[in-house]
């Protein structure tokens, strides 16, 4: 149940970065007397730009989650009171957070290199 709630929250957060920017305030490009005028709320013109915005938003969320995990691991380690189990748990949280960041940013770099190679 926690995973479903966390997934829904992250999806909502990610979509808010992409879809909210001034949707209600946009009226440029419409004639004053046009009864049915559709305005693009996304500020992008191609699917590639949309995917790029989504990826950048996801990377921002991943970075924030990694920061929280580093802080949580550090607090766990510092409040261990010499308990070797808690020290190991805090250290493992920090190590796995760092490994996760390396994997995510390596995947981003690899995809970016591949996309740039395809464009040429």
N, C-alpha and C. Protein backbone atom coordinates (compact mmCIF):
# COMPACT_ATOMS: atom_id res chain seq x y z
N UNK A 1 0.82 -1.19 0.00
CA UNK A 1 0.00 0.00 0.00
C UNK A 1 0.86 1.25 0.00
N UNK A 2 1.98 1.23 0.76
CA UNK A 2 2.87 2.37 0.82
C UNK A 2 3.49 2.65 -0.54
N UNK A 3 3.83 1.59 -1.27
CA UNK A 3 4.43 1.77 -2.59
C UNK A 3 3.44 2.42 -3.56
N UNK A 4 2.18 2.06 -3.47
CA UNK A 4 1.17 2.64 -4.35
C UNK A 4 0.99 4.12 -4.04
N UNK A 5 0.93 4.46 -2.77
CA UNK A 5 0.77 5.85 -2.37
C UNK A 5 1.98 6.66 -2.79
N UNK A 6 3.19 6.13 -2.58
CA UNK A 6 4.41 6.82 -2.96
C UNK A 6 4.47 6.99 -4.48
N UNK A 7 4.11 5.96 -5.22
CA UNK A 7 4.11 6.06 -6.68
C UNK A 7 3.12 7.10 -7.17
N UNK A 8 1.93 7.13 -6.59
CA UNK A 8 0.92 8.12 -6.98
C UNK A 8 1.40 9.53 -6.66
N UNK A 9 2.02 9.71 -5.51
CA UNK A 9 2.53 11.02 -5.12
C UNK A 9 3.62 11.48 -6.07
N UNK A 10 4.56 10.60 -6.39
CA UNK A 10 5.65 10.96 -7.29
C UNK A 10 5.14 11.26 -8.69
N UNK A 11 4.18 10.49 -9.16
CA UNK A 11 3.61 10.75 -10.48
C UNK A 11 2.91 12.10 -10.51
N UNK A 12 2.15 12.41 -9.47
CA UNK A 12 1.47 13.70 -9.40
C UNK A 12 2.47 14.84 -9.35
N UNK A 13 3.53 14.67 -8.57
CA UNK A 13 4.56 15.70 -8.47
C UNK A 13 5.25 15.90 -9.81
N UNK A 14 5.58 14.81 -10.49
CA UNK A 14 6.24 14.90 -11.78
C UNK A 14 5.35 15.60 -12.81
N UNK A 15 4.08 15.25 -12.83
CA UNK A 15 3.18 15.85 -13.81
C UNK A 15 2.93 17.33 -13.50
N UNK A 16 3.00 17.71 -12.23
CA UNK A 16 2.77 19.11 -11.90
C UNK A 16 3.90 19.98 -12.44
N UNK A 17 5.13 19.45 -12.49
CA UNK A 17 6.24 20.21 -13.05
C UNK A 17 6.06 20.43 -14.54
N UNK A 18 5.40 19.50 -15.21
CA UNK A 18 5.28 19.56 -16.66
C UNK A 18 4.04 20.32 -17.09
N UNK A 19 2.92 20.12 -16.42
CA UNK A 19 1.64 20.56 -16.97
C UNK A 19 1.06 21.83 -16.38
N UNK A 20 1.50 22.28 -15.24
CA UNK A 20 0.83 23.40 -14.59
C UNK A 20 1.22 24.77 -15.12
N UNK A 21 2.39 24.96 -15.72
CA UNK A 21 2.87 26.33 -15.95
C UNK A 21 1.90 27.23 -16.69
N UNK A 22 1.20 28.03 -15.97
CA UNK A 22 0.34 29.10 -16.45
C UNK A 22 -0.71 28.63 -17.45
N UNK A 23 -1.32 27.50 -17.18
CA UNK A 23 -2.34 26.98 -18.08
C UNK A 23 -3.52 27.94 -18.16
N UNK A 24 -3.91 28.49 -17.05
CA UNK A 24 -5.08 29.36 -17.04
C UNK A 24 -4.80 30.75 -17.60
N UNK A 25 -3.56 31.19 -17.50
CA UNK A 25 -3.24 32.55 -17.92
C UNK A 25 -2.90 32.66 -19.40
N UNK A 26 -2.83 31.57 -20.12
CA UNK A 26 -2.43 31.62 -21.52
C UNK A 26 -3.61 31.95 -22.41
N UNK A 27 -3.48 33.05 -23.11
CA UNK A 27 -4.50 33.39 -24.11
C UNK A 27 -3.86 33.94 -25.37
N UNK A 28 -2.52 34.01 -25.44
CA UNK A 28 -1.90 34.55 -26.64
C UNK A 28 -2.12 33.59 -27.81
N UNK A 29 -2.22 34.14 -28.98
CA UNK A 29 -2.44 33.33 -30.17
C UNK A 29 -3.91 33.15 -30.49
N UNK A 30 -4.80 33.60 -29.65
CA UNK A 30 -6.24 33.47 -29.88
C UNK A 30 -6.80 34.84 -30.24
N UNK A 31 -7.69 34.83 -31.20
CA UNK A 31 -8.39 36.07 -31.54
C UNK A 31 -9.41 36.38 -30.44
N UNK A 32 -9.71 37.63 -30.25
CA UNK A 32 -10.62 38.04 -29.18
C UNK A 32 -12.02 37.49 -29.40
N UNK A 33 -12.41 37.33 -30.67
CA UNK A 33 -13.77 36.86 -30.93
C UNK A 33 -13.82 35.37 -31.26
N UNK A 34 -12.72 34.65 -31.07
CA UNK A 34 -12.70 33.22 -31.39
C UNK A 34 -13.40 32.44 -30.29
N UNK A 35 -14.50 31.74 -30.60
CA UNK A 35 -15.22 31.01 -29.56
C UNK A 35 -14.50 29.74 -29.11
N UNK A 36 -13.81 29.08 -30.01
CA UNK A 36 -13.12 27.83 -29.69
C UNK A 36 -11.65 27.96 -30.05
N UNK A 37 -10.85 28.31 -29.09
CA UNK A 37 -9.43 28.49 -29.32
C UNK A 37 -8.67 27.59 -28.36
N UNK A 38 -7.89 26.69 -28.89
CA UNK A 38 -7.10 25.79 -28.07
C UNK A 38 -5.66 26.30 -28.01
N UNK A 39 -5.15 26.41 -26.81
CA UNK A 39 -3.79 26.89 -26.60
C UNK A 39 -2.98 25.75 -26.02
N UNK A 40 -1.77 25.58 -26.51
CA UNK A 40 -0.89 24.53 -26.01
C UNK A 40 -0.40 24.92 -24.61
N UNK A 41 -0.78 24.18 -23.57
CA UNK A 41 -0.39 24.55 -22.20
C UNK A 41 1.01 24.09 -21.82
N UNK A 42 1.67 23.33 -22.68
CA UNK A 42 2.93 22.71 -22.28
C UNK A 42 4.17 23.52 -22.62
N UNK A 43 4.06 24.54 -23.45
CA UNK A 43 5.22 25.34 -23.86
C UNK A 43 6.25 24.51 -24.61
N UNK A 44 5.84 23.44 -25.25
CA UNK A 44 6.73 22.63 -26.08
C UNK A 44 6.06 22.44 -27.43
N UNK A 45 6.90 22.23 -28.44
CA UNK A 45 6.38 22.07 -29.78
C UNK A 45 6.56 20.66 -30.32
N UNK A 46 7.47 19.90 -29.74
CA UNK A 46 7.74 18.55 -30.24
C UNK A 46 7.68 17.55 -29.10
N UNK A 47 7.43 16.28 -29.41
CA UNK A 47 7.44 15.25 -28.37
C UNK A 47 8.81 15.11 -27.72
N UNK A 48 9.88 15.38 -28.46
CA UNK A 48 11.22 15.28 -27.90
C UNK A 48 11.43 16.31 -26.78
N UNK A 49 10.91 17.51 -26.99
CA UNK A 49 11.02 18.53 -25.94
C UNK A 49 10.22 18.13 -24.70
N UNK A 50 9.05 17.55 -24.91
CA UNK A 50 8.22 17.10 -23.79
C UNK A 50 8.94 16.00 -23.01
N UNK A 51 9.52 15.04 -23.72
CA UNK A 51 10.26 13.96 -23.06
C UNK A 51 11.45 14.52 -22.30
N UNK A 52 12.13 15.51 -22.90
CA UNK A 52 13.26 16.15 -22.21
C UNK A 52 12.82 16.84 -20.92
N UNK A 53 11.68 17.53 -20.95
CA UNK A 53 11.17 18.16 -19.73
C UNK A 53 10.80 17.14 -18.67
N UNK A 54 10.19 16.04 -19.10
CA UNK A 54 9.82 14.98 -18.15
C UNK A 54 11.07 14.38 -17.52
N UNK A 55 12.09 14.10 -18.34
CA UNK A 55 13.33 13.52 -17.82
C UNK A 55 13.99 14.48 -16.83
N UNK A 56 14.03 15.76 -17.15
CA UNK A 56 14.63 16.73 -16.23
C UNK A 56 13.84 16.82 -14.92
N UNK A 57 12.53 16.74 -15.01
CA UNK A 57 11.71 16.76 -13.80
C UNK A 57 11.96 15.53 -12.94
N UNK A 58 12.03 14.37 -13.59
CA UNK A 58 12.28 13.12 -12.87
C UNK A 58 13.65 13.16 -12.21
N UNK A 59 14.65 13.69 -12.91
CA UNK A 59 15.98 13.78 -12.31
C UNK A 59 15.98 14.71 -11.10
N UNK A 60 15.20 15.77 -11.16
CA UNK A 60 15.08 16.65 -9.99
C UNK A 60 14.47 15.94 -8.80
N UNK A 61 13.44 15.14 -9.06
CA UNK A 61 12.79 14.39 -7.99
C UNK A 61 13.74 13.33 -7.44
N UNK A 62 14.46 12.64 -8.33
CA UNK A 62 15.41 11.60 -7.90
C UNK A 62 16.51 12.23 -7.05
N UNK A 63 17.00 13.39 -7.46
CA UNK A 63 18.02 14.07 -6.67
C UNK A 63 17.52 14.45 -5.29
N UNK A 64 16.27 14.90 -5.22
CA UNK A 64 15.69 15.26 -3.92
C UNK A 64 15.52 14.04 -3.02
N UNK A 65 15.05 12.94 -3.62
CA UNK A 65 14.90 11.71 -2.84
C UNK A 65 16.25 11.21 -2.35
N UNK A 66 17.28 11.29 -3.21
CA UNK A 66 18.62 10.87 -2.81
C UNK A 66 19.14 11.72 -1.66
N UNK A 67 18.90 13.02 -1.72
CA UNK A 67 19.31 13.90 -0.63
C UNK A 67 18.62 13.50 0.67
N UNK A 68 17.32 13.25 0.60
CA UNK A 68 16.59 12.81 1.79
C UNK A 68 17.14 11.49 2.33
N UNK A 69 17.50 10.58 1.44
CA UNK A 69 18.04 9.30 1.89
C UNK A 69 19.42 9.47 2.53
N UNK A 70 20.24 10.38 1.98
CA UNK A 70 21.53 10.66 2.60
C UNK A 70 21.33 11.22 4.01
N UNK A 71 20.40 12.14 4.15
CA UNK A 71 20.13 12.73 5.48
C UNK A 71 19.60 11.66 6.43
N UNK A 72 18.66 10.83 5.95
CA UNK A 72 18.11 9.76 6.79
C UNK A 72 19.20 8.78 7.22
N UNK A 73 20.05 8.39 6.27
CA UNK A 73 21.16 7.49 6.60
C UNK A 73 22.11 8.10 7.61
N UNK A 74 22.41 9.39 7.44
CA UNK A 74 23.29 10.07 8.38
C UNK A 74 22.68 10.18 9.77
N UNK A 75 21.40 10.48 9.83
CA UNK A 75 20.73 10.56 11.14
C UNK A 75 20.69 9.19 11.79
N UNK A 76 20.40 8.16 11.00
CA UNK A 76 20.39 6.80 11.55
C UNK A 76 21.75 6.43 12.11
N UNK A 77 22.79 6.78 11.37
CA UNK A 77 24.15 6.47 11.80
C UNK A 77 24.51 7.26 13.06
N UNK A 78 24.16 8.54 13.08
CA UNK A 78 24.55 9.37 14.21
C UNK A 78 23.77 9.04 15.48
N UNK A 79 22.55 8.57 15.35
CA UNK A 79 21.74 8.25 16.53
C UNK A 79 21.83 6.77 16.91
N UNK A 80 22.83 6.09 16.38
CA UNK A 80 22.95 4.65 16.64
C UNK A 80 23.41 4.35 18.07
N UNK A 81 24.00 5.30 18.73
CA UNK A 81 24.49 5.14 20.11
C UNK A 81 25.44 3.96 20.25
N UNK A 82 26.24 3.74 19.24
CA UNK A 82 27.22 2.66 19.30
C UNK A 82 26.67 1.30 18.93
N UNK A 83 25.40 1.20 18.63
CA UNK A 83 24.78 -0.05 18.23
C UNK A 83 25.29 -0.39 16.82
N UNK A 84 26.01 -1.50 16.71
CA UNK A 84 26.64 -1.83 15.43
C UNK A 84 25.61 -2.11 14.33
N UNK A 85 24.43 -2.61 14.70
CA UNK A 85 23.39 -2.85 13.70
C UNK A 85 22.90 -1.56 13.07
N UNK A 86 22.67 -0.54 13.91
CA UNK A 86 22.20 0.74 13.39
C UNK A 86 23.29 1.47 12.61
N UNK A 87 24.53 1.32 13.05
CA UNK A 87 25.64 1.91 12.30
C UNK A 87 25.70 1.31 10.91
N UNK A 88 25.60 -0.03 10.84
CA UNK A 88 25.62 -0.71 9.54
C UNK A 88 24.42 -0.30 8.70
N UNK A 89 23.25 -0.16 9.32
CA UNK A 89 22.05 0.23 8.58
C UNK A 89 22.21 1.64 7.99
N UNK A 90 22.69 2.58 8.79
CA UNK A 90 22.91 3.95 8.31
C UNK A 90 23.93 4.00 7.19
N UNK A 91 25.04 3.26 7.37
CA UNK A 91 26.07 3.22 6.34
C UNK A 91 25.53 2.62 5.05
N UNK A 92 24.75 1.55 5.17
CA UNK A 92 24.17 0.91 3.98
C UNK A 92 23.21 1.84 3.25
N UNK A 93 22.43 2.61 4.00
CA UNK A 93 21.51 3.56 3.37
C UNK A 93 22.30 4.59 2.56
N UNK A 94 23.36 5.10 3.13
CA UNK A 94 24.17 6.10 2.43
C UNK A 94 24.84 5.50 1.21
N UNK A 95 25.41 4.30 1.35
CA UNK A 95 26.10 3.65 0.23
C UNK A 95 25.12 3.35 -0.90
N UNK A 96 23.95 2.80 -0.58
CA UNK A 96 22.98 2.46 -1.61
C UNK A 96 22.38 3.70 -2.26
N UNK A 97 22.27 4.77 -1.51
CA UNK A 97 21.81 6.03 -2.11
C UNK A 97 22.83 6.54 -3.13
N UNK A 98 24.09 6.46 -2.78
CA UNK A 98 25.14 6.89 -3.71
C UNK A 98 25.16 6.00 -4.95
N UNK A 99 25.03 4.69 -4.76
CA UNK A 99 25.00 3.77 -5.89
C UNK A 99 23.79 4.06 -6.78
N UNK A 100 22.65 4.33 -6.17
CA UNK A 100 21.45 4.66 -6.94
C UNK A 100 21.64 5.92 -7.77
N UNK A 101 22.27 6.94 -7.19
CA UNK A 101 22.54 8.16 -7.95
C UNK A 101 23.47 7.90 -9.12
N UNK A 102 24.49 7.10 -8.89
CA UNK A 102 25.42 6.77 -9.98
C UNK A 102 24.69 6.04 -11.10
N UNK A 103 23.83 5.10 -10.76
CA UNK A 103 23.08 4.35 -11.78
C UNK A 103 22.15 5.28 -12.56
N UNK A 104 21.42 6.13 -11.86
CA UNK A 104 20.46 7.02 -12.53
C UNK A 104 21.18 7.99 -13.45
N UNK A 105 22.23 8.63 -12.98
CA UNK A 105 22.92 9.61 -13.82
C UNK A 105 23.73 8.94 -14.93
N UNK A 106 24.21 7.73 -14.71
CA UNK A 106 24.86 6.98 -15.80
C UNK A 106 23.86 6.64 -16.88
N UNK A 107 22.68 6.21 -16.49
CA UNK A 107 21.63 5.91 -17.47
C UNK A 107 21.25 7.17 -18.24
N UNK A 108 21.14 8.30 -17.54
CA UNK A 108 20.82 9.56 -18.21
C UNK A 108 21.92 9.92 -19.22
N UNK A 109 23.16 9.79 -18.81
CA UNK A 109 24.28 10.10 -19.71
C UNK A 109 24.30 9.20 -20.92
N UNK A 110 24.05 7.91 -20.71
CA UNK A 110 24.04 6.96 -21.82
C UNK A 110 22.92 7.27 -22.80
N UNK A 111 21.73 7.54 -22.29
CA UNK A 111 20.61 7.88 -23.17
C UNK A 111 20.89 9.17 -23.92
N UNK A 112 21.46 10.14 -23.25
CA UNK A 112 21.77 11.41 -23.92
C UNK A 112 22.78 11.22 -25.04
N UNK A 113 23.81 10.42 -24.79
CA UNK A 113 24.81 10.14 -25.82
C UNK A 113 24.18 9.41 -27.00
N UNK A 114 23.32 8.44 -26.71
CA UNK A 114 22.66 7.69 -27.78
C UNK A 114 21.73 8.59 -28.61
N UNK A 115 20.99 9.45 -27.95
CA UNK A 115 20.09 10.35 -28.66
C UNK A 115 20.88 11.34 -29.52
N UNK A 116 21.94 11.87 -28.98
CA UNK A 116 22.79 12.79 -29.77
C UNK A 116 23.39 12.07 -30.96
N UNK A 117 23.77 10.81 -30.79
CA UNK A 117 24.32 10.02 -31.89
C UNK A 117 23.30 9.74 -32.97
N UNK A 118 22.05 9.54 -32.57
CA UNK A 118 20.97 9.27 -33.54
C UNK A 118 20.65 10.54 -34.33
N UNK A 119 20.72 11.71 -33.69
CA UNK A 119 20.39 12.96 -34.38
C UNK A 119 21.36 13.24 -35.52
N UNK A 120 22.62 12.84 -35.36
CA UNK A 120 23.62 13.14 -36.38
C UNK A 120 23.56 12.16 -37.47
